[in-house]
Amino acid sequence: MARINVMMPDDILETVDHAATEERLSRSAWLQKAARRYLETKRLEQEALARKQRMQNAAAKMDVLADTFGKWDGVGTIRRFRDQRTERNP
């Protein structure tokens, strides 16, 4: 495990020490926990952003298809398929 020196304002250090004491952790353990939580939050944010981008790309592709093929009644198509299947298998 690496040892580092970190500079921070006194008021933040006091707040960190208070929080560490409340959680019965050492300052080092509390800062490790805080760093892990921050990194996990950033990872989740990046995943959510990537997911949103994929959804936007898919929607844009759907818009292109809609423009290419014109108006389409999806509900009507599903009903026709369902009705045809029911007619074949009474």
C-alpha atoms as a PDB file:
ATOM      1  CA  MET A   1       0.000   0.000   0.000  1.00  0.00           C
ATOM      2  CA  ALA A   2       1.344   3.406  -0.976  1.00  0.00           C
ATOM      3  CA  ARG A   3       1.796   6.285   1.419  1.00  0.00           C
ATOM      4  CA  ILE A   4       0.958   9.764   0.130  1.00  0.00           C
ATOM      5  CA  ASN A   5       0.999  13.323   1.385  1.00  0.00           C
ATOM      6  CA  VAL A   6      -2.105  15.392   0.704  1.00  0.00           C
ATOM      7  CA  MET A   7      -2.529  19.115   1.176  1.00  0.00           C
ATOM      8  CA  MET A   8      -5.997  20.354   2.140  1.00  0.00           C
ATOM      9  CA  PRO A   9      -7.457  23.369   3.891  1.00  0.00           C
ATOM     10  CA  ASP A  10      -7.722  23.115   7.668  1.00  0.00           C
ATOM     11  CA  ASP A  11     -11.510  23.396   7.677  1.00  0.00           C
ATOM     12  CA  ILE A  12     -11.882  20.414   5.320  1.00  0.00           C
ATOM     13  CA  LEU A  13      -9.415  18.399   7.396  1.00  0.00           C
ATOM     14  CA  GLU A  14     -11.383  19.158  10.543  1.00  0.00           C
ATOM     15  CA  THR A  15     -14.592  18.030   8.834  1.00  0.00           C
ATOM     16  CA  VAL A  16     -12.904  14.827   7.624  1.00  0.00           C
ATOM     17  CA  ASP A  17     -11.549  14.119  11.104  1.00  0.00           C
ATOM     18  CA  HIS A  18     -14.979  14.701  12.636  1.00  0.00           C
ATOM     19  CA  ALA A  19     -16.649  12.376  10.109  1.00  0.00           C
ATOM     20  CA  ALA A  20     -13.967   9.711  10.615  1.00  0.00           C
ATOM     21  CA  THR A  21     -14.422   9.885  14.378  1.00  0.00           C
ATOM     22  CA  GLU A  22     -18.202   9.538  14.031  1.00  0.00           C
ATOM     23  CA  GLU A  23     -17.733   6.427  11.890  1.00  0.00           C
ATOM     24  CA  ARG A  24     -15.006   5.106  14.193  1.00  0.00           C
ATOM     25  CA  LEU A  25     -12.496   5.032  11.369  1.00  0.00           C
ATOM     26  CA  SER A  26      -8.998   6.351  11.068  1.00  0.00           C
ATOM     27  CA  ARG A  27      -8.516   9.391   8.879  1.00  0.00           C
ATOM     28  CA  SER A  28      -6.776   7.189   6.328  1.00  0.00           C
ATOM     29  CA  ALA A  29      -9.564   4.595   6.295  1.00  0.00           C
ATOM     30  CA  TRP A  30     -12.198   7.313   5.978  1.00  0.00           C
ATOM     31  CA  LEU A  31     -10.382   8.951   3.054  1.00  0.00           C
ATOM     32  CA  GLN A  32     -10.009   5.558   1.343  1.00  0.00           C
ATOM     33  CA  LYS A  33     -13.722   4.925   1.793  1.00  0.00           C
ATOM     34  CA  ALA A  34     -14.554   8.400   0.460  1.00  0.00           C
ATOM     35  CA  ALA A  35     -12.288   7.918  -2.569  1.00  0.00           C
ATOM     36  CA  ARG A  36     -13.856   4.535  -3.365  1.00  0.00           C
ATOM     37  CA  ARG A  37     -17.354   5.986  -3.074  1.00  0.00           C
ATOM     38  CA  TYR A  38     -16.433   8.925  -5.301  1.00  0.00           C
ATOM     39  CA  LEU A  39     -14.859   6.665  -7.933  1.00  0.00           C
ATOM     40  CA  GLU A  40     -17.883   4.346  -7.896  1.00  0.00           C
ATOM     41  CA  THR A  41     -20.221   7.318  -8.318  1.00  0.00           C
ATOM     42  CA  LYS A  42     -18.173   8.596 -11.267  1.00  0.00           C
ATOM     43  CA  ARG A  43     -18.197   5.113 -12.848  1.00  0.00           C
ATOM     44  CA  LEU A  44     -21.981   4.884 -12.511  1.00  0.00           C
ATOM     45  CA  GLU A  45     -22.386   8.377 -13.971  1.00  0.00           C
ATOM     46  CA  GLN A  46     -20.216   7.441 -16.954  1.00  0.00           C
ATOM     47  CA  GLU A  47     -22.207   4.229 -17.495  1.00  0.00           C
ATOM     48  CA  ALA A  48     -25.468   6.179 -17.343  1.00  0.00           C
ATOM     49  CA  LEU A  49     -24.121   8.719 -19.832  1.00  0.00           C
ATOM     50  CA  ALA A  50     -23.006   5.951 -22.203  1.00  0.00           C
ATOM     51  CA  ARG A  51     -26.416   4.251 -21.855  1.00  0.00           C
ATOM     52  CA  LYS A  52     -28.169   7.545 -22.618  1.00  0.00           C
ATOM     53  CA  GLN A  53     -25.958   8.062 -25.677  1.00  0.00           C
ATOM     54  CA  ARG A  54     -26.760   4.555 -26.968  1.00  0.00           C
ATOM     55  CA  MET A  55     -30.480   5.234 -26.506  1.00  0.00           C
ATOM     56  CA  GLN A  56     -30.204   8.550 -28.356  1.00  0.00           C
ATOM     57  CA  ASN A  57     -28.311   6.845 -31.193  1.00  0.00           C
ATOM     58  CA  ALA A  58     -30.971   4.125 -31.411  1.00  0.00           C
ATOM     59  CA  ALA A  59     -33.745   6.733 -31.444  1.00  0.00           C
ATOM     60  CA  ALA A  60     -31.965   8.634 -34.229  1.00  0.00           C
ATOM     61  CA  LYS A  61     -31.713   5.418 -36.272  1.00  0.00           C
ATOM     62  CA  MET A  62     -35.408   4.774 -35.678  1.00  0.00           C
ATOM     63  CA  ASP A  63     -36.182   8.298 -36.885  1.00  0.00           C
ATOM     64  CA  VAL A  64     -34.234   7.621 -40.088  1.00  0.00           C
ATOM     65  CA  LEU A  65     -36.190   4.385 -40.602  1.00  0.00           C
ATOM     66  CA  ALA A  66     -39.474   6.203 -39.963  1.00  0.00           C
ATOM     67  CA  ASP A  67     -38.548   8.851 -42.529  1.00  0.00           C
ATOM     68  CA  THR A  68     -37.515   6.157 -45.018  1.00  0.00           C
ATOM     69  CA  PHE A  69     -40.559   3.923 -44.698  1.00  0.00           C
ATOM     70  CA  GLY A  70     -43.217   6.465 -43.761  1.00  0.00           C
ATOM     71  CA  LYS A  71     -45.948   6.148 -41.189  1.00  0.00           C
ATOM     72  CA  TRP A  72     -46.359   2.671 -39.710  1.00  0.00           C
ATOM     73  CA  ASP A  73     -49.078   1.356 -37.411  1.00  0.00           C
ATOM     74  CA  GLY A  74     -47.146  -0.912 -35.058  1.00  0.00           C
ATOM     75  CA  VAL A  75     -50.161  -1.732 -32.896  1.00  0.00           C
ATOM     76  CA  GLY A  76     -52.219  -2.668 -35.951  1.00  0.00           C
ATOM     77  CA  THR A  77     -49.427  -4.895 -37.251  1.00  0.00           C
ATOM     78  CA  ILE A  78     -49.150  -6.718 -33.931  1.00  0.00           C
ATOM     79  CA  ARG A  79     -52.926  -7.202 -33.827  1.00  0.00           C
ATOM     80  CA  ARG A  80     -52.939  -8.634 -37.365  1.00  0.00           C
ATOM     81  CA  PHE A  81     -50.165 -11.098 -36.479  1.00  0.00           C
ATOM     82  CA  ARG A  82     -51.976 -12.076 -33.293  1.00  0.00           C
ATOM     83  CA  ASP A  83     -55.282 -12.518 -35.109  1.00  0.00           C
ATOM     84  CA  GLN A  84     -53.656 -14.597 -37.875  1.00  0.00           C
ATOM     85  CA  ARG A  85     -52.018 -16.847 -35.286  1.00  0.00           C
ATOM     86  CA  THR A  86     -55.347 -17.269 -33.471  1.00  0.00           C
ATOM     87  CA  GLU A  87     -57.116 -18.154 -36.746  1.00  0.00           C
ATOM     88  CA  ARG A  88     -54.535 -20.851 -37.526  1.00  0.00           C
ATOM     89  CA  ASN A  89     -54.592 -22.315 -34.004  1.00  0.00           C
ATOM     90  CA  PRO A  90     -58.195 -22.082 -32.737  1.00  0.00           C
END
